[in-house]
Amino acid sequence: MQKTLVSLGFAEIDAEVYVFLVNGGPRKASDIAEALRIYKRRLYRILRKLQGKGIVNASSEYPTRFSAVLFEEVLDLFIKFKTEQQEAIQASKEELLSTWRSIIKKDPADS
């Protein structure tokens, strides 16, 4: 599963944290850091990034417990992100082509 996530664009460590939460259920940051041998400071950055992407949830209890979003939802988020990327490229296609054409038409002696 970790290799699949990396192939979808996850950083290796992000995939490792996600898979750990999938397999282990909700965990405190200290438990995750200890199990994966990650400094807590780095882990908190990873968890914030994954939360921001909607891949990890945080409880409101203290200490906070982090849990993985269902893999199906992660795939849906990934598809949505890639679709938005594709639409953005499509929307700027003509402008990009125009810029490209102006670059390649310049006389090399002008450079």
N, C-alpha and C. Protein backbone atom coordinates (compact mmCIF):
# COMPACT_ATOMS: atom_id res chain seq x y z
N MET A 1 0.84 -1.19 0.00
CA MET A 1 0.00 0.00 0.00
C MET A 1 0.88 1.25 0.00
N GLN A 2 1.97 1.20 0.74
CA GLN A 2 2.86 2.35 0.82
C GLN A 2 3.43 2.69 -0.56
N LYS A 3 3.83 1.69 -1.32
CA LYS A 3 4.36 1.91 -2.67
C LYS A 3 3.29 2.54 -3.56
N THR A 4 2.06 2.09 -3.42
CA THR A 4 0.95 2.65 -4.20
C THR A 4 0.78 4.13 -3.88
N LEU A 5 0.82 4.47 -2.61
CA LEU A 5 0.67 5.87 -2.20
C LEU A 5 1.80 6.73 -2.76
N VAL A 6 3.01 6.21 -2.72
CA VAL A 6 4.15 6.95 -3.26
C VAL A 6 3.98 7.15 -4.76
N SER A 7 3.48 6.11 -5.44
CA SER A 7 3.26 6.25 -6.88
C SER A 7 2.16 7.26 -7.19
N LEU A 8 1.28 7.51 -6.25
CA LEU A 8 0.22 8.52 -6.42
C LEU A 8 0.70 9.93 -6.08
N GLY A 9 1.93 10.03 -5.58
CA GLY A 9 2.46 11.35 -5.30
C GLY A 9 2.75 11.64 -3.83
N PHE A 10 2.49 10.70 -2.95
CA PHE A 10 2.81 10.89 -1.54
C PHE A 10 4.33 10.88 -1.36
N ALA A 11 4.82 11.67 -0.43
CA ALA A 11 6.21 11.53 0.00
C ALA A 11 6.31 10.21 0.76
N GLU A 12 7.46 9.58 0.72
CA GLU A 12 7.66 8.29 1.38
C GLU A 12 7.24 8.33 2.85
N ILE A 13 7.67 9.36 3.58
CA ILE A 13 7.37 9.44 5.01
C ILE A 13 5.88 9.69 5.25
N ASP A 14 5.23 10.46 4.38
CA ASP A 14 3.79 10.70 4.50
C ASP A 14 3.03 9.39 4.34
N ALA A 15 3.44 8.61 3.35
CA ALA A 15 2.81 7.31 3.11
C ALA A 15 3.02 6.39 4.30
N GLU A 16 4.21 6.43 4.88
CA GLU A 16 4.52 5.58 6.04
C GLU A 16 3.62 5.93 7.22
N VAL A 17 3.45 7.22 7.47
CA VAL A 17 2.58 7.66 8.58
C VAL A 17 1.14 7.26 8.30
N TYR A 18 0.66 7.49 7.09
CA TYR A 18 -0.71 7.13 6.74
C TYR A 18 -0.96 5.63 6.92
N VAL A 19 -0.08 4.81 6.39
CA VAL A 19 -0.24 3.35 6.50
C VAL A 19 -0.20 2.91 7.96
N PHE A 20 0.67 3.53 8.75
CA PHE A 20 0.73 3.21 10.17
C PHE A 20 -0.61 3.49 10.83
N LEU A 21 -1.21 4.63 10.52
CA LEU A 21 -2.51 4.97 11.11
C LEU A 21 -3.63 4.07 10.60
N VAL A 22 -3.55 3.68 9.34
CA VAL A 22 -4.55 2.75 8.80
C VAL A 22 -4.50 1.43 9.58
N ASN A 23 -3.30 0.93 9.79
CA ASN A 23 -3.13 -0.37 10.45
C ASN A 23 -3.31 -0.30 11.96
N GLY A 24 -2.94 0.83 12.56
CA GLY A 24 -2.95 0.92 14.02
C GLY A 24 -4.11 1.64 14.62
N GLY A 25 -4.92 2.28 13.80
CA GLY A 25 -6.03 3.04 14.34
C GLY A 25 -5.57 4.36 14.94
N PRO A 26 -6.48 5.10 15.55
CA PRO A 26 -6.14 6.40 16.12
C PRO A 26 -4.99 6.30 17.13
N ARG A 27 -4.04 7.21 16.98
CA ARG A 27 -2.85 7.19 17.85
C ARG A 27 -2.44 8.60 18.25
N LYS A 28 -1.80 8.68 19.41
CA LYS A 28 -1.20 9.93 19.85
C LYS A 28 0.09 10.14 19.05
N ALA A 29 0.46 11.39 18.88
CA ALA A 29 1.67 11.71 18.13
C ALA A 29 2.89 11.04 18.74
N SER A 30 2.96 11.00 20.05
CA SER A 30 4.13 10.39 20.70
C SER A 30 4.23 8.91 20.35
N ASP A 31 3.09 8.22 20.25
CA ASP A 31 3.10 6.80 19.88
C ASP A 31 3.56 6.60 18.44
N ILE A 32 3.09 7.49 17.56
CA ILE A 32 3.47 7.41 16.14
C ILE A 32 4.96 7.67 16.00
N ALA A 33 5.43 8.72 16.65
CA ALA A 33 6.84 9.09 16.57
C ALA A 33 7.73 7.96 17.06
N GLU A 34 7.35 7.36 18.16
CA GLU A 34 8.14 6.27 18.73
C GLU A 34 8.14 5.05 17.81
N ALA A 35 6.98 4.68 17.32
CA ALA A 35 6.87 3.48 16.47
C ALA A 35 7.62 3.65 15.15
N LEU A 36 7.55 4.85 14.57
CA LEU A 36 8.18 5.08 13.27
C LEU A 36 9.58 5.69 13.37
N ARG A 37 9.99 5.95 14.62
CA ARG A 37 11.31 6.54 14.88
C ARG A 37 11.50 7.86 14.13
N ILE A 38 10.53 8.73 14.33
CA ILE A 38 10.54 10.06 13.73
C ILE A 38 10.57 11.07 14.87
N TYR A 39 11.36 12.13 14.72
CA TYR A 39 11.32 13.19 15.73
C TYR A 39 9.92 13.79 15.75
N LYS A 40 9.44 14.07 16.97
CA LYS A 40 8.07 14.58 17.11
C LYS A 40 7.86 15.88 16.33
N ARG A 41 8.85 16.73 16.33
CA ARG A 41 8.73 18.00 15.62
C ARG A 41 8.46 17.76 14.13
N ARG A 42 9.21 16.83 13.55
CA ARG A 42 9.01 16.49 12.13
C ARG A 42 7.65 15.83 11.93
N LEU A 43 7.28 14.95 12.85
CA LEU A 43 6.00 14.26 12.74
C LEU A 43 4.84 15.25 12.76
N TYR A 44 4.90 16.24 13.62
CA TYR A 44 3.82 17.23 13.68
C TYR A 44 3.69 17.98 12.35
N ARG A 45 4.81 18.29 11.71
CA ARG A 45 4.75 18.93 10.38
C ARG A 45 4.07 18.00 9.38
N ILE A 46 4.43 16.74 9.42
CA ILE A 46 3.84 15.74 8.51
C ILE A 46 2.34 15.63 8.76
N LEU A 47 1.97 15.53 10.03
CA LEU A 47 0.55 15.38 10.38
C LEU A 47 -0.25 16.62 9.97
N ARG A 48 0.31 17.82 10.17
CA ARG A 48 -0.39 19.04 9.74
C ARG A 48 -0.58 19.05 8.22
N LYS A 49 0.45 18.63 7.50
CA LYS A 49 0.36 18.59 6.03
C LYS A 49 -0.71 17.59 5.60
N LEU A 50 -0.73 16.41 6.21
CA LEU A 50 -1.72 15.39 5.86
C LEU A 50 -3.13 15.84 6.25
N GLN A 51 -3.25 16.54 7.38
CA GLN A 51 -4.55 17.09 7.77
C GLN A 51 -5.01 18.11 6.75
N GLY A 52 -4.11 18.98 6.33
CA GLY A 52 -4.44 20.00 5.36
C GLY A 52 -4.93 19.43 4.04
N LYS A 53 -4.43 18.26 3.70
CA LYS A 53 -4.85 17.59 2.46
C LYS A 53 -6.10 16.74 2.66
N GLY A 54 -6.57 16.64 3.92
CA GLY A 54 -7.77 15.86 4.20
C GLY A 54 -7.51 14.36 4.30
N ILE A 55 -6.28 13.97 4.56
CA ILE A 55 -5.89 12.56 4.57
C ILE A 55 -5.84 11.99 5.99
N VAL A 56 -5.64 12.88 6.96
CA VAL A 56 -5.58 12.49 8.36
C VAL A 56 -6.51 13.40 9.15
N ASN A 57 -7.17 12.83 10.13
CA ASN A 57 -8.03 13.59 11.03
C ASN A 57 -7.39 13.66 12.41
N ALA A 58 -7.72 14.72 13.15
CA ALA A 58 -7.24 14.89 14.52
C ALA A 58 -8.45 14.99 15.44
N SER A 59 -8.37 14.30 16.56
CA SER A 59 -9.48 14.36 17.53
C SER A 59 -9.41 15.67 18.28
N SER A 60 -10.48 16.01 18.97
CA SER A 60 -10.51 17.24 19.76
C SER A 60 -10.12 16.97 21.21
N GLU A 61 -9.91 15.71 21.54
CA GLU A 61 -9.54 15.35 22.91
C GLU A 61 -8.07 15.67 23.17
N TYR A 62 -7.69 15.66 24.45
CA TYR A 62 -6.30 15.86 24.81
C TYR A 62 -5.81 14.62 25.53
N PRO A 63 -4.70 14.05 25.14
CA PRO A 63 -3.89 14.42 23.99
C PRO A 63 -4.59 14.03 22.68
N THR A 64 -4.29 14.80 21.67
CA THR A 64 -4.90 14.59 20.36
C THR A 64 -4.53 13.22 19.82
N ARG A 65 -5.51 12.58 19.22
CA ARG A 65 -5.27 11.31 18.54
C ARG A 65 -5.49 11.54 17.05
N PHE A 66 -4.59 11.00 16.27
CA PHE A 66 -4.65 11.15 14.82
C PHE A 66 -5.13 9.85 14.21
N SER A 67 -5.96 9.97 13.17
CA SER A 67 -6.49 8.79 12.49
C SER A 67 -6.46 9.01 10.99
N ALA A 68 -6.40 7.89 10.28
CA ALA A 68 -6.36 7.94 8.81
C ALA A 68 -7.77 8.02 8.25
N VAL A 69 -7.93 8.79 7.20
CA VAL A 69 -9.18 8.84 6.45
C VAL A 69 -9.24 7.55 5.63
N LEU A 70 -10.45 7.08 5.35
CA LEU A 70 -10.60 5.86 4.55
C LEU A 70 -9.86 6.00 3.22
N PHE A 71 -9.24 4.92 2.79
CA PHE A 71 -8.46 4.93 1.56
C PHE A 71 -9.31 5.35 0.36
N GLU A 72 -10.56 4.94 0.34
CA GLU A 72 -11.46 5.32 -0.75
C GLU A 72 -11.58 6.85 -0.83
N GLU A 73 -11.67 7.50 0.33
CA GLU A 73 -11.75 8.96 0.36
C GLU A 73 -10.45 9.59 -0.10
N VAL A 74 -9.33 8.98 0.26
CA VAL A 74 -8.02 9.48 -0.18
C VAL A 74 -7.94 9.41 -1.70
N LEU A 75 -8.39 8.30 -2.27
CA LEU A 75 -8.40 8.17 -3.74
C LEU A 75 -9.29 9.22 -4.38
N ASP A 76 -10.46 9.46 -3.78
CA ASP A 76 -11.35 10.50 -4.30
C ASP A 76 -10.69 11.87 -4.26
N LEU A 77 -9.98 12.17 -3.16
CA LEU A 77 -9.27 13.44 -3.05
C LEU A 77 -8.18 13.55 -4.11
N PHE A 78 -7.46 12.46 -4.32
CA PHE A 78 -6.40 12.44 -5.32
C PHE A 78 -6.97 12.67 -6.73
N ILE A 79 -8.07 12.01 -7.03
CA ILE A 79 -8.72 12.17 -8.34
C ILE A 79 -9.18 13.61 -8.52
N LYS A 80 -9.77 14.18 -7.48
CA LYS A 80 -10.23 15.57 -7.54
C LYS A 80 -9.06 16.51 -7.79
N PHE A 81 -7.96 16.31 -7.08
CA PHE A 81 -6.77 17.15 -7.23
C PHE A 81 -6.22 17.05 -8.65
N LYS A 82 -6.09 15.84 -9.16
CA LYS A 82 -5.55 15.65 -10.51
C LYS A 82 -6.49 16.24 -11.57
N THR A 83 -7.78 16.12 -11.35
CA THR A 83 -8.76 16.70 -12.28
C THR A 83 -8.63 18.22 -12.29
N GLU A 84 -8.49 18.82 -11.12
CA GLU A 84 -8.33 20.27 -11.04
C GLU A 84 -7.03 20.71 -11.71
N GLN A 85 -5.97 19.93 -11.54
CA GLN A 85 -4.71 20.24 -12.22
C GLN A 85 -4.89 20.20 -13.73
N GLN A 86 -5.55 19.17 -14.21
CA GLN A 86 -5.78 19.01 -15.65
C GLN A 86 -6.62 20.16 -16.19
N GLU A 87 -7.65 20.55 -15.45
CA GLU A 87 -8.51 21.65 -15.88
C GLU A 87 -7.74 22.97 -15.91
N ALA A 88 -6.84 23.18 -14.94
CA ALA A 88 -6.04 24.40 -14.91
C ALA A 88 -5.10 24.46 -16.11
N ILE A 89 -4.50 23.34 -16.44
CA ILE A 89 -3.61 23.30 -17.61
C ILE A 89 -4.42 23.56 -18.88
N GLN A 90 -5.58 22.93 -18.97
CA GLN A 90 -6.44 23.11 -20.14
C GLN A 90 -6.86 24.57 -20.28
N ALA A 91 -7.19 25.20 -19.15
CA ALA A 91 -7.64 26.59 -19.18
C ALA A 91 -6.53 27.54 -19.62
N SER A 92 -5.30 27.21 -19.31
CA SER A 92 -4.19 28.10 -19.67
C SER A 92 -3.45 27.63 -20.92
N LYS A 93 -3.97 26.64 -21.60
CA LYS A 93 -3.30 26.05 -22.76
C LYS A 93 -2.97 27.09 -23.82
N GLU A 94 -3.95 27.88 -24.23
CA GLU A 94 -3.74 28.85 -25.30
C GLU A 94 -2.69 29.88 -24.91
N GLU A 95 -2.74 30.35 -23.68
CA GLU A 95 -1.76 31.33 -23.21
C GLU A 95 -0.36 30.71 -23.19
N LEU A 96 -0.27 29.48 -22.72
CA LEU A 96 1.03 28.78 -22.70
C LEU A 96 1.58 28.59 -24.10
N LEU A 97 0.72 28.19 -25.04
CA LEU A 97 1.15 27.99 -26.43
C LEU A 97 1.58 29.31 -27.05
N SER A 98 0.86 30.37 -26.77
CA SER A 98 1.20 31.68 -27.31
C SER A 98 2.57 32.12 -26.80
N THR A 99 2.79 31.95 -25.52
CA THR A 99 4.08 32.30 -24.93
C THR A 99 5.18 31.45 -25.54
N TRP A 100 4.93 30.17 -25.67
CA TRP A 100 5.91 29.25 -26.26
C TRP A 100 6.25 29.68 -27.69
N ARG A 101 5.25 29.99 -28.46
CA ARG A 101 5.48 30.40 -29.85
C ARG A 101 6.31 31.69 -29.93
N SER A 102 6.03 32.61 -29.03
CA SER A 102 6.80 33.87 -29.05
C SER A 102 8.25 33.62 -28.66
N ILE A 103 8.50 32.66 -27.83
CA ILE A 103 9.87 32.34 -27.43
C ILE A 103 10.64 31.69 -28.58
N ILE A 104 10.01 30.73 -29.25
CA ILE A 104 10.74 30.00 -30.29
C ILE A 104 10.87 30.78 -31.58
N LYS A 105 10.06 31.84 -31.78
CA LYS A 105 10.13 32.64 -33.00
C LYS A 105 11.19 33.73 -32.92
N LYS A 106 11.72 33.96 -31.72
CA LYS A 106 12.73 35.01 -31.57
C LYS A 106 13.98 34.63 -32.38
N ASP A 107 14.58 35.61 -32.95
CA ASP A 107 15.80 35.43 -33.70
C ASP A 107 16.94 35.15 -32.72
N PRO A 108 17.67 34.04 -32.88
CA PRO A 108 18.77 33.73 -31.96
C PRO A 108 19.80 34.85 -31.88
N ALA A 109 19.93 35.64 -32.92
CA ALA A 109 20.90 36.75 -32.91
C ALA A 109 20.47 37.85 -31.94
N ASP A 110 19.15 37.88 -31.57
CA ASP A 110 18.65 38.87 -30.62
C ASP A 110 19.06 38.57 -29.19
N SER A 111 19.46 37.35 -28.93
CA SER A 111 19.76 36.95 -27.55
C SER A 111 21.10 37.43 -27.09
